[in-house]
Amino acid sequence: MIRRLSRIAPWQAGKVAAVLYFLFGLLFAIPFALMNMFVDPAPGQIQGSLAFTIAIPIFYGLAGLIFVPFGCWVYNLVAKWVGGLEFTVEGG
C-alpha cells in the first residue's frame, strides 16, 4: 500500500532531533576529550578545553532544536504544492 507523508509536526520533530543530535554530539565529544587528555598540542597550539568538549553536544542539540523545525515547516509548505513523499507500507 502506498502512503503519502503530507505533514511533519515541526516542534515534535525538533525535540526528537535535539535529543538525537545531543547523543551524536556525545559520540564526537568523548573521543575528542580523550584525545585532549593524552595528546600534547603541537608547538604554538593551545590544548582543547573541557568547556568546549562539553559544549559540543549542547550546541548540536540546540542546532537540531532550531533547524529541524524550520526544515519541517519548509517541507510542509512544499508538500502542499507537490503532495509530499510517497512510501510503501507492507504487511497488515
PDB file of N, CA and C in Angstrom:
ATOM      1  N   MET A   1       0.845  -1.161   0.000  1.00  0.00           N
ATOM      2  CA  MET A   1       0.000   0.000   0.000  1.00  0.00           C
ATOM      3  C   MET A   1       0.901   1.237   0.000  1.00  0.00           C
ATOM      4  N   ILE A   2       0.620   2.167  -0.876  1.00  0.00           N
ATOM      5  CA  ILE A   2       1.412   3.394  -0.960  1.00  0.00           C
ATOM      6  C   ILE A   2       0.759   4.454  -0.072  1.00  0.00           C
ATOM      7  N   ARG A   3       1.561   5.072   0.765  1.00  0.00           N
ATOM      8  CA  ARG A   3       1.123   6.143   1.662  1.00  0.00           C
ATOM      9  C   ARG A   3       1.876   7.415   1.311  1.00  0.00           C
ATOM     10  N   ARG A   4       1.315   8.537   1.697  1.00  0.00           N
ATOM     11  CA  ARG A   4       1.948   9.818   1.417  1.00  0.00           C
ATOM     12  C   ARG A   4       2.150  10.574   2.717  1.00  0.00           C
ATOM     13  N   LEU A   5       3.367  11.065   2.936  1.00  0.00           N
ATOM     14  CA  LEU A   5       3.696  11.881   4.097  1.00  0.00           C
ATOM     15  C   LEU A   5       3.434  13.330   3.724  1.00  0.00           C
ATOM     16  N   SER A   6       2.303  13.857   4.169  1.00  0.00           N
ATOM     17  CA  SER A   6       1.896  15.190   3.742  1.00  0.00           C
ATOM     18  C   SER A   6       2.252  16.271   4.752  1.00  0.00           C
ATOM     19  N   ARG A   7       2.559  15.906   6.003  1.00  0.00           N
ATOM     20  CA  ARG A   7       2.890  16.911   7.015  1.00  0.00           C
ATOM     21  C   ARG A   7       3.759  16.287   8.095  1.00  0.00           C
ATOM     22  N   ILE A   8       4.710  17.072   8.573  1.00  0.00           N
ATOM     23  CA  ILE A   8       5.553  16.691   9.703  1.00  0.00           C
ATOM     24  C   ILE A   8       5.344  17.733  10.787  1.00  0.00           C
ATOM     25  N   ALA A   9       5.081  17.308  12.013  1.00  0.00           N
ATOM     26  CA  ALA A   9       4.905  18.240  13.127  1.00  0.00           C
ATOM     27  C   ALA A   9       6.274  18.853  13.476  1.00  0.00           C
ATOM     28  N   PRO A  10       6.464  20.144  13.214  1.00  0.00           N
ATOM     29  CA  PRO A  10       7.791  20.748  13.382  1.00  0.00           C
ATOM     30  C   PRO A  10       8.339  20.679  14.811  1.00  0.00           C
ATOM     31  N   TRP A  11       7.529  21.017  15.803  1.00  0.00           N
ATOM     32  CA  TRP A  11       8.053  21.056  17.166  1.00  0.00           C
ATOM     33  C   TRP A  11       8.425  19.659  17.660  1.00  0.00           C
ATOM     34  N   GLN A  12       7.588  18.670  17.365  1.00  0.00           N
ATOM     35  CA  GLN A  12       7.887  17.295  17.783  1.00  0.00           C
ATOM     36  C   GLN A  12       9.147  16.789  17.103  1.00  0.00           C
ATOM     37  N   ALA A  13       9.271  17.052  15.805  1.00  0.00           N
ATOM     38  CA  ALA A  13      10.469  16.630  15.083  1.00  0.00           C
ATOM     39  C   ALA A  13      11.700  17.340  15.635  1.00  0.00           C
ATOM     40  N   GLY A  14      11.551  18.608  16.015  1.00  0.00           N
ATOM     41  CA  GLY A  14      12.670  19.353  16.594  1.00  0.00           C
ATOM     42  C   GLY A  14      13.121  18.781  17.923  1.00  0.00           C
ATOM     43  N   LYS A  15      12.167  18.384  18.763  1.00  0.00           N
ATOM     44  CA  LYS A  15      12.529  17.795  20.053  1.00  0.00           C
ATOM     45  C   LYS A  15      13.267  16.474  19.865  1.00  0.00           C
ATOM     46  N   VAL A  16      12.753  15.642  18.973  1.00  0.00           N
ATOM     47  CA  VAL A  16      13.408  14.355  18.709  1.00  0.00           C
ATOM     48  C   VAL A  16      14.807  14.584  18.141  1.00  0.00           C
ATOM     49  N   ALA A  17      14.910  15.502  17.192  1.00  0.00           N
ATOM     50  CA  ALA A  17      16.213  15.789  16.586  1.00  0.00           C
ATOM     51  C   ALA A  17      17.184  16.354  17.614  1.00  0.00           C
ATOM     52  N   ALA A  18      16.711  17.202  18.525  1.00  0.00           N
ATOM     53  CA  ALA A  18      17.597  17.775  19.544  1.00  0.00           C
ATOM     54  C   ALA A  18      18.221  16.675  20.399  1.00  0.00           C
ATOM     55  N   VAL A  19      17.419  15.703  20.796  1.00  0.00           N
ATOM     56  CA  VAL A  19      17.954  14.599  21.606  1.00  0.00           C
ATOM     57  C   VAL A  19      18.926  13.756  20.782  1.00  0.00           C
ATOM     58  N   LEU A  20      18.553  13.455  19.538  1.00  0.00           N
ATOM     59  CA  LEU A  20      19.447  12.659  18.687  1.00  0.00           C
ATOM     60  C   LEU A  20      20.752  13.404  18.405  1.00  0.00           C
ATOM     61  N   TYR A  21      20.671  14.691  18.096  1.00  0.00           N
ATOM     62  CA  TYR A  21      21.876  15.477  17.827  1.00  0.00           C
ATOM     63  C   TYR A  21      22.752  15.552  19.077  1.00  0.00           C
ATOM     64  N   PHE A  22      22.130  15.678  20.265  1.00  0.00           N
ATOM     65  CA  PHE A  22      22.900  15.698  21.506  1.00  0.00           C
ATOM     66  C   PHE A  22      23.664  14.384  21.682  1.00  0.00           C
ATOM     67  N   LEU A  23      22.980  13.272  21.439  1.00  0.00           N
ATOM     68  CA  LEU A  23      23.635  11.966  21.579  1.00  0.00           C
ATOM     69  C   LEU A  23      24.755  11.793  20.552  1.00  0.00           C
ATOM     70  N   PHE A  24      24.517  12.234  19.306  1.00  0.00           N
ATOM     71  CA  PHE A  24      25.586  12.177  18.304  1.00  0.00           C
ATOM     72  C   PHE A  24      26.734  13.104  18.694  1.00  0.00           C
ATOM     73  N   GLY A  25      26.422  14.230  19.306  1.00  0.00           N
ATOM     74  CA  GLY A  25      27.468  15.126  19.789  1.00  0.00           C
ATOM     75  C   GLY A  25      28.332  14.461  20.841  1.00  0.00           C
ATOM     76  N   LEU A  26      27.713  13.647  21.688  1.00  0.00           N
ATOM     77  CA  LEU A  26      28.487  12.897  22.677  1.00  0.00           C
ATOM     78  C   LEU A  26      29.443  11.921  21.996  1.00  0.00           C
ATOM     79  N   LEU A  27      28.994  11.334  20.879  1.00  0.00           N
ATOM     80  CA  LEU A  27      29.868  10.413  20.151  1.00  0.00           C
ATOM     81  C   LEU A  27      31.141  11.106  19.679  1.00  0.00           C
ATOM     82  N   PHE A  28      31.034  12.402  19.362  1.00  0.00           N
ATOM     83  CA  PHE A  28      32.217  13.156  18.952  1.00  0.00           C
ATOM     84  C   PHE A  28      32.975  13.713  20.150  1.00  0.00           C
ATOM     85  N   ALA A  29      32.262  14.136  21.175  1.00  0.00           N
ATOM     86  CA  ALA A  29      32.886  14.815  22.301  1.00  0.00           C
ATOM     87  C   ALA A  29      33.730  13.874  23.157  1.00  0.00           C
ATOM     88  N   ILE A  30      33.271  12.669  23.360  1.00  0.00           N
ATOM     89  CA  ILE A  30      34.001  11.743  24.234  1.00  0.00           C
ATOM     90  C   ILE A  30      35.372  11.391  23.654  1.00  0.00           C
ATOM     91  N   PRO A  31      35.467  10.979  22.378  1.00  0.00           N
ATOM     92  CA  PRO A  31      36.807  10.728  21.833  1.00  0.00           C
ATOM     93  C   PRO A  31      37.663  11.997  21.776  1.00  0.00           C
ATOM     94  N   PHE A  32      37.030  13.136  21.511  1.00  0.00           N
ATOM     95  CA  PHE A  32      37.752  14.404  21.486  1.00  0.00           C
ATOM     96  C   PHE A  32      38.360  14.695  22.856  1.00  0.00           C
ATOM     97  N   ALA A  33      37.593  14.479  23.915  1.00  0.00           N
ATOM     98  CA  ALA A  33      38.095  14.705  25.273  1.00  0.00           C
ATOM     99  C   ALA A  33      39.239  13.755  25.597  1.00  0.00           C
ATOM    100  N   LEU A  34      39.105  12.494  25.202  1.00  0.00           N
ATOM    101  CA  LEU A  34      40.174  11.524  25.460  1.00  0.00           C
ATOM    102  C   LEU A  34      41.454  11.894  24.710  1.00  0.00           C
ATOM    103  N   MET A  35      41.307  12.340  23.465  1.00  0.00           N
ATOM    104  CA  MET A  35      42.497  12.755  22.708  1.00  0.00           C
ATOM    105  C   MET A  35      43.165  13.944  23.372  1.00  0.00           C
ATOM    106  N   ASN A  36      42.375  14.890  23.861  1.00  0.00           N
ATOM    107  CA  ASN A  36      42.952  16.066  24.517  1.00  0.00           C
ATOM    108  C   ASN A  36      43.672  15.708  25.804  1.00  0.00           C
ATOM    109  N   MET A  37      43.241  14.651  26.458  1.00  0.00           N
ATOM    110  CA  MET A  37      43.885  14.255  27.707  1.00  0.00           C
ATOM    111  C   MET A  37      45.250  13.617  27.460  1.00  0.00           C
ATOM    112  N   PHE A  38      45.392  12.874  26.368  1.00  0.00           N
ATOM    113  CA  PHE A  38      46.596  12.070  26.171  1.00  0.00           C
ATOM    114  C   PHE A  38      47.539  12.567  25.090  1.00  0.00           C
ATOM    115  N   VAL A  39      47.125  13.553  24.305  1.00  0.00           N
ATOM    116  CA  VAL A  39      47.971  14.042  23.219  1.00  0.00           C
ATOM    117  C   VAL A  39      48.410  15.460  23.529  1.00  0.00           C
ATOM    118  N   ASP A  40      49.697  15.687  23.452  1.00  0.00           N
ATOM    119  CA  ASP A  40      50.218  17.042  23.662  1.00  0.00           C
ATOM    120  C   ASP A  40      49.946  17.884  22.420  1.00  0.00           C
ATOM    121  N   PRO A  41      49.605  19.160  22.624  1.00  0.00           N
ATOM    122  CA  PRO A  41      49.363  20.012  21.454  1.00  0.00           C
ATOM    123  C   PRO A  41      50.662  20.293  20.702  1.00  0.00           C
ATOM    124  N   ALA A  42      50.534  20.566  19.418  1.00  0.00           N
ATOM    125  CA  ALA A  42      51.699  20.921  18.609  1.00  0.00           C
ATOM    126  C   ALA A  42      52.241  22.265  19.089  1.00  0.00           C
ATOM    127  N   PRO A  43      53.520  22.533  18.820  1.00  0.00           N
ATOM    128  CA  PRO A  43      54.077  23.832  19.230  1.00  0.00           C
ATOM    129  C   PRO A  43      53.267  24.989  18.640  1.00  0.00           C
ATOM    130  N   GLY A  44      52.932  25.938  19.483  1.00  0.00           N
ATOM    131  CA  GLY A  44      52.151  27.092  19.046  1.00  0.00           C
ATOM    132  C   GLY A  44      50.650  26.876  19.111  1.00  0.00           C
ATOM    133  N   GLN A  45      50.206  25.657  19.438  1.00  0.00           N
ATOM    134  CA  GLN A  45      48.774  25.353  19.530  1.00  0.00           C
ATOM    135  C   GLN A  45      48.364  25.332  21.001  1.00  0.00           C
ATOM    136  N   ILE A  46      47.106  25.665  21.249  1.00  0.00           N
ATOM    137  CA  ILE A  46      46.594  25.559  22.614  1.00  0.00           C
ATOM    138  C   ILE A  46      45.850  24.236  22.759  1.00  0.00           C
ATOM    139  N   GLN A  47      45.841  23.728  23.968  1.00  0.00           N
ATOM    140  CA  GLN A  47      45.137  22.466  24.219  1.00  0.00           C
ATOM    141  C   GLN A  47      43.643  22.741  24.311  1.00  0.00           C
ATOM    142  N   GLY A  48      42.837  21.820  23.770  1.00  0.00           N
ATOM    143  CA  GLY A  48      41.384  21.969  23.820  1.00  0.00           C
ATOM    144  C   GLY A  48      40.890  22.002  25.252  1.00  0.00           C
ATOM    145  N   SER A  49      39.863  22.781  25.498  1.00  0.00           N
ATOM    146  CA  SER A  49      39.376  22.933  26.861  1.00  0.00           C
ATOM    147  C   SER A  49      38.223  21.965  27.139  1.00  0.00           C
ATOM    148  N   LEU A  50      38.029  21.686  28.397  1.00  0.00           N
ATOM    149  CA  LEU A  50      36.929  20.829  28.823  1.00  0.00           C
ATOM    150  C   LEU A  50      35.593  21.509  28.531  1.00  0.00           C
ATOM    151  N   ALA A  51      35.538  22.817  28.681  1.00  0.00           N
ATOM    152  CA  ALA A  51      34.295  23.551  28.409  1.00  0.00           C
ATOM    153  C   ALA A  51      33.876  23.394  26.952  1.00  0.00           C
ATOM    154  N   PHE A  52      34.823  23.436  26.025  1.00  0.00           N
ATOM    155  CA  PHE A  52      34.497  23.255  24.613  1.00  0.00           C
ATOM    156  C   PHE A  52      33.996  21.842  24.361  1.00  0.00           C
ATOM    157  N   THR A  53      34.615  20.875  25.017  1.00  0.00           N
ATOM    158  CA  THR A  53      34.201  19.479  24.858  1.00  0.00           C
ATOM    159  C   THR A  53      32.776  19.275  25.363  1.00  0.00           C
ATOM    160  N   ILE A  54      32.432  19.906  26.455  1.00  0.00           N
ATOM    161  CA  ILE A  54      31.072  19.808  26.992  1.00  0.00           C
ATOM    162  C   ILE A  54      30.082  20.555  26.101  1.00  0.00           C
ATOM    163  N   ALA A  55      30.531  21.638  25.487  1.00  0.00           N
ATOM    164  CA  ALA A  55      29.642  22.473  24.666  1.00  0.00           C
ATOM    165  C   ALA A  55      29.259  21.810  23.343  1.00  0.00           C
ATOM    166  N   ILE A  56      30.094  20.910  22.835  1.00  0.00           N
ATOM    167  CA  ILE A  56      29.821  20.295  21.532  1.00  0.00           C
ATOM    168  C   ILE A  56      28.431  19.635  21.497  1.00  0.00           C
ATOM    169  N   PRO A  57      28.099  18.712  22.404  1.00  0.00           N
ATOM    170  CA  PRO A  57      26.773  18.088  22.328  1.00  0.00           C
ATOM    171  C   PRO A  57      25.638  19.084  22.577  1.00  0.00           C
ATOM    172  N   ILE A  58      25.892  20.072  23.415  1.00  0.00           N
ATOM    173  CA  ILE A  58      24.847  21.065  23.691  1.00  0.00           C
ATOM    174  C   ILE A  58      24.554  21.881  22.443  1.00  0.00           C
ATOM    175  N   PHE A  59      25.601  22.317  21.740  1.00  0.00           N
ATOM    176  CA  PHE A  59      25.396  23.083  20.504  1.00  0.00           C
ATOM    177  C   PHE A  59      24.745  22.233  19.423  1.00  0.00           C
ATOM    178  N   TYR A  60      25.120  20.970  19.326  1.00  0.00           N
ATOM    179  CA  TYR A  60      24.468  20.076  18.360  1.00  0.00           C
ATOM    180  C   TYR A  60      22.981  19.950  18.672  1.00  0.00           C
ATOM    181  N   GLY A  61      22.647  19.765  19.943  1.00  0.00           N
ATOM    182  CA  GLY A  61      21.246  19.655  20.346  1.00  0.00           C
ATOM    183  C   GLY A  61      20.459  20.923  20.040  1.00  0.00           C
ATOM    184  N   LEU A  62      21.048  22.073  20.326  1.00  0.00           N
ATOM    185  CA  LEU A  62      20.373  23.336  20.014  1.00  0.00           C
ATOM    186  C   LEU A  62      20.195  23.518  18.511  1.00  0.00           C
ATOM    187  N   ALA A  63      21.183  23.095  17.740  1.00  0.00           N
ATOM    188  CA  ALA A  63      21.067  23.185  16.280  1.00  0.00           C
ATOM    189  C   ALA A  63      19.893  22.341  15.793  1.00  0.00           C
ATOM    190  N   GLY A  64      19.736  21.140  16.342  1.00  0.00           N
ATOM    191  CA  GLY A  64      18.598  20.297  15.972  1.00  0.00           C
ATOM    192  C   GLY A  64      17.277  20.920  16.368  1.00  0.00           C
ATOM    193  N   LEU A  65      17.239  21.547  17.538  1.00  0.00           N
ATOM    194  CA  LEU A  65      16.012  22.165  18.033  1.00  0.00           C
ATOM    195  C   LEU A  65      15.617  23.374  17.198  1.00  0.00           C
ATOM    196  N   ILE A  66      16.578  24.056  16.606  1.00  0.00           N
ATOM    197  CA  ILE A  66      16.297  25.253  15.809  1.00  0.00           C
ATOM    198  C   ILE A  66      16.061  24.924  14.338  1.00  0.00           C
ATOM    199  N   PHE A  67      16.968  24.160  13.734  1.00  0.00           N
ATOM    200  CA  PHE A  67      16.937  23.995  12.285  1.00  0.00           C
ATOM    201  C   PHE A  67      15.983  22.911  11.796  1.00  0.00           C
ATOM    202  N   VAL A  68      15.761  21.861  12.559  1.00  0.00           N
ATOM    203  CA  VAL A  68      14.851  20.803  12.110  1.00  0.00           C
ATOM    204  C   VAL A  68      13.406  21.297  12.033  1.00  0.00           C
ATOM    205  N   PRO A  69      12.890  22.035  13.025  1.00  0.00           N
ATOM    206  CA  PRO A  69      11.528  22.568  12.851  1.00  0.00           C
ATOM    207  C   PRO A  69      11.410  23.503  11.640  1.00  0.00           C
ATOM    208  N   PHE A  70      12.445  24.274  11.385  1.00  0.00           N
ATOM    209  CA  PHE A  70      12.427  25.132  10.192  1.00  0.00           C
ATOM    210  C   PHE A  70      12.366  24.274   8.926  1.00  0.00           C
ATOM    211  N   GLY A  71      13.169  23.223   8.873  1.00  0.00           N
ATOM    212  CA  GLY A  71      13.139  22.316   7.727  1.00  0.00           C
ATOM    213  C   GLY A  71      11.782  21.640   7.572  1.00  0.00           C
ATOM    214  N   CYS A  72      11.151  21.270   8.687  1.00  0.00           N
ATOM    215  CA  CYS A  72       9.819  20.660   8.631  1.00  0.00           C
ATOM    216  C   CYS A  72       8.791  21.665   8.126  1.00  0.00           C
ATOM    217  N   TRP A  73       8.907  22.899   8.554  1.00  0.00           N
ATOM    218  CA  TRP A  73       7.999  23.939   8.088  1.00  0.00           C
ATOM    219  C   TRP A  73       8.118  24.109   6.579  1.00  0.00           C
ATOM    220  N   VAL A  74       9.349  24.135   6.075  1.00  0.00           N
ATOM    221  CA  VAL A  74       9.559  24.240   4.628  1.00  0.00           C
ATOM    222  C   VAL A  74       9.005  23.006   3.933  1.00  0.00           C
ATOM    223  N   TYR A  75       9.259  21.822   4.487  1.00  0.00           N
ATOM    224  CA  TYR A  75       8.713  20.586   3.904  1.00  0.00           C
ATOM    225  C   TYR A  75       7.189  20.658   3.830  1.00  0.00           C
ATOM    226  N   ASN A  76       6.549  21.115   4.897  1.00  0.00           N
ATOM    227  CA  ASN A  76       5.099  21.184   4.911  1.00  0.00           C
ATOM    228  C   ASN A  76       4.574  22.119   3.828  1.00  0.00           C
ATOM    229  N   LEU A  77       5.265  23.230   3.592  1.00  0.00           N
ATOM    230  CA  LEU A  77       4.863  24.142   2.521  1.00  0.00           C
ATOM    231  C   LEU A  77       5.003  23.468   1.149  1.00  0.00           C
ATOM    232  N   VAL A  78       6.136  22.826   0.936  1.00  0.00           N
ATOM    233  CA  VAL A  78       6.378  22.169  -0.350  1.00  0.00           C
ATOM    234  C   VAL A  78       5.423  20.990  -0.542  1.00  0.00           C
ATOM    235  N   ALA A  79       5.152  20.252   0.519  1.00  0.00           N
ATOM    236  CA  ALA A  79       4.262  19.086   0.411  1.00  0.00           C
ATOM    237  C   ALA A  79       2.845  19.493   0.016  1.00  0.00           C
ATOM    238  N   LYS A  80       2.423  20.698   0.407  1.00  0.00           N
ATOM    239  CA  LYS A  80       1.113  21.183  -0.021  1.00  0.00           C
ATOM    240  C   LYS A  80       1.074  21.370  -1.538  1.00  0.00           C
ATOM    241  N   TRP A  81       2.188  21.790  -2.117  1.00  0.00           N
ATOM    242  CA  TRP A  81       2.245  22.056  -3.556  1.00  0.00           C
ATOM    243  C   TRP A  81       2.401  20.786  -4.379  1.00  0.00           C
ATOM    244  N   VAL A  82       3.278  19.870  -3.921  1.00  0.00           N
ATOM    245  CA  VAL A  82       3.616  18.708  -4.749  1.00  0.00           C
ATOM    246  C   VAL A  82       3.110  17.389  -4.191  1.00  0.00           C
ATOM    247  N   GLY A  83       2.521  17.402  -2.997  1.00  0.00           N
ATOM    248  CA  GLY A  83       1.910  16.178  -2.492  1.00  0.00           C
ATOM    249  C   GLY A  83       2.708  15.405  -1.469  1.00  0.00           C
ATOM    250  N   GLY A  84       3.929  15.764  -1.173  1.00  0.00           N
ATOM    251  CA  GLY A  84       4.693  15.084  -0.137  1.00  0.00           C
ATOM    252  C   GLY A  84       5.391  13.827  -0.641  1.00  0.00           C
ATOM    253  N   LEU A  85       6.124  13.205   0.259  1.00  0.00           N
ATOM    254  CA  LEU A  85       6.849  11.975  -0.056  1.00  0.00           C
ATOM    255  C   LEU A  85       5.893  10.791  -0.088  1.00  0.00           C
ATOM    256  N   GLU A  86       6.153   9.864  -0.983  1.00  0.00           N
ATOM    257  CA  GLU A  86       5.386   8.623  -1.032  1.00  0.00           C
ATOM    258  C   GLU A  86       6.260   7.485  -0.541  1.00  0.00           C
ATOM    259  N   PHE A  87       5.671   6.586   0.229  1.00  0.00           N
ATOM    260  CA  PHE A  87       6.394   5.403   0.681  1.00  0.00           C
ATOM    261  C   PHE A  87       5.429   4.225   0.685  1.00  0.00           C
ATOM    262  N   THR A  88       5.995   3.037   0.649  1.00  0.00           N
ATOM    263  CA  THR A  88       5.205   1.815   0.584  1.00  0.00           C
ATOM    264  C   THR A  88       5.198   1.146   1.950  1.00  0.00           C
ATOM    265  N   VAL A  89       4.005   0.732   2.376  1.00  0.00           N
ATOM    266  CA  VAL A  89       3.840   0.019   3.643  1.00  0.00           C
ATOM    267  C   VAL A  89       3.395  -1.404   3.299  1.00  0.00           C
ATOM    268  N   GLU A  90       4.124  -2.366   3.861  1.00  0.00           N
ATOM    269  CA  GLU A  90       3.771  -3.760   3.616  1.00  0.00           C
ATOM    270  C   GLU A  90       3.264  -4.391   4.906  1.00  0.00           C
ATOM    271  N   GLY A  91       2.509  -5.423   4.784  1.00  0.00           N
ATOM    272  CA  GLY A  91       2.017  -6.164   5.938  1.00  0.00           C
ATOM    273  C   GLY A  91       0.649  -5.672   6.371  1.00  0.00           C
ATOM    274  N   GLY A  92       0.155  -6.233   7.460  1.00  0.00           N
ATOM    275  CA  GLY A  92      -1.201  -5.925   7.889  1.00  0.00           C
ATOM    276  C   GLY A  92      -1.210  -5.134   9.084  1.00  0.00           C
TER     277      GLY A  92
END
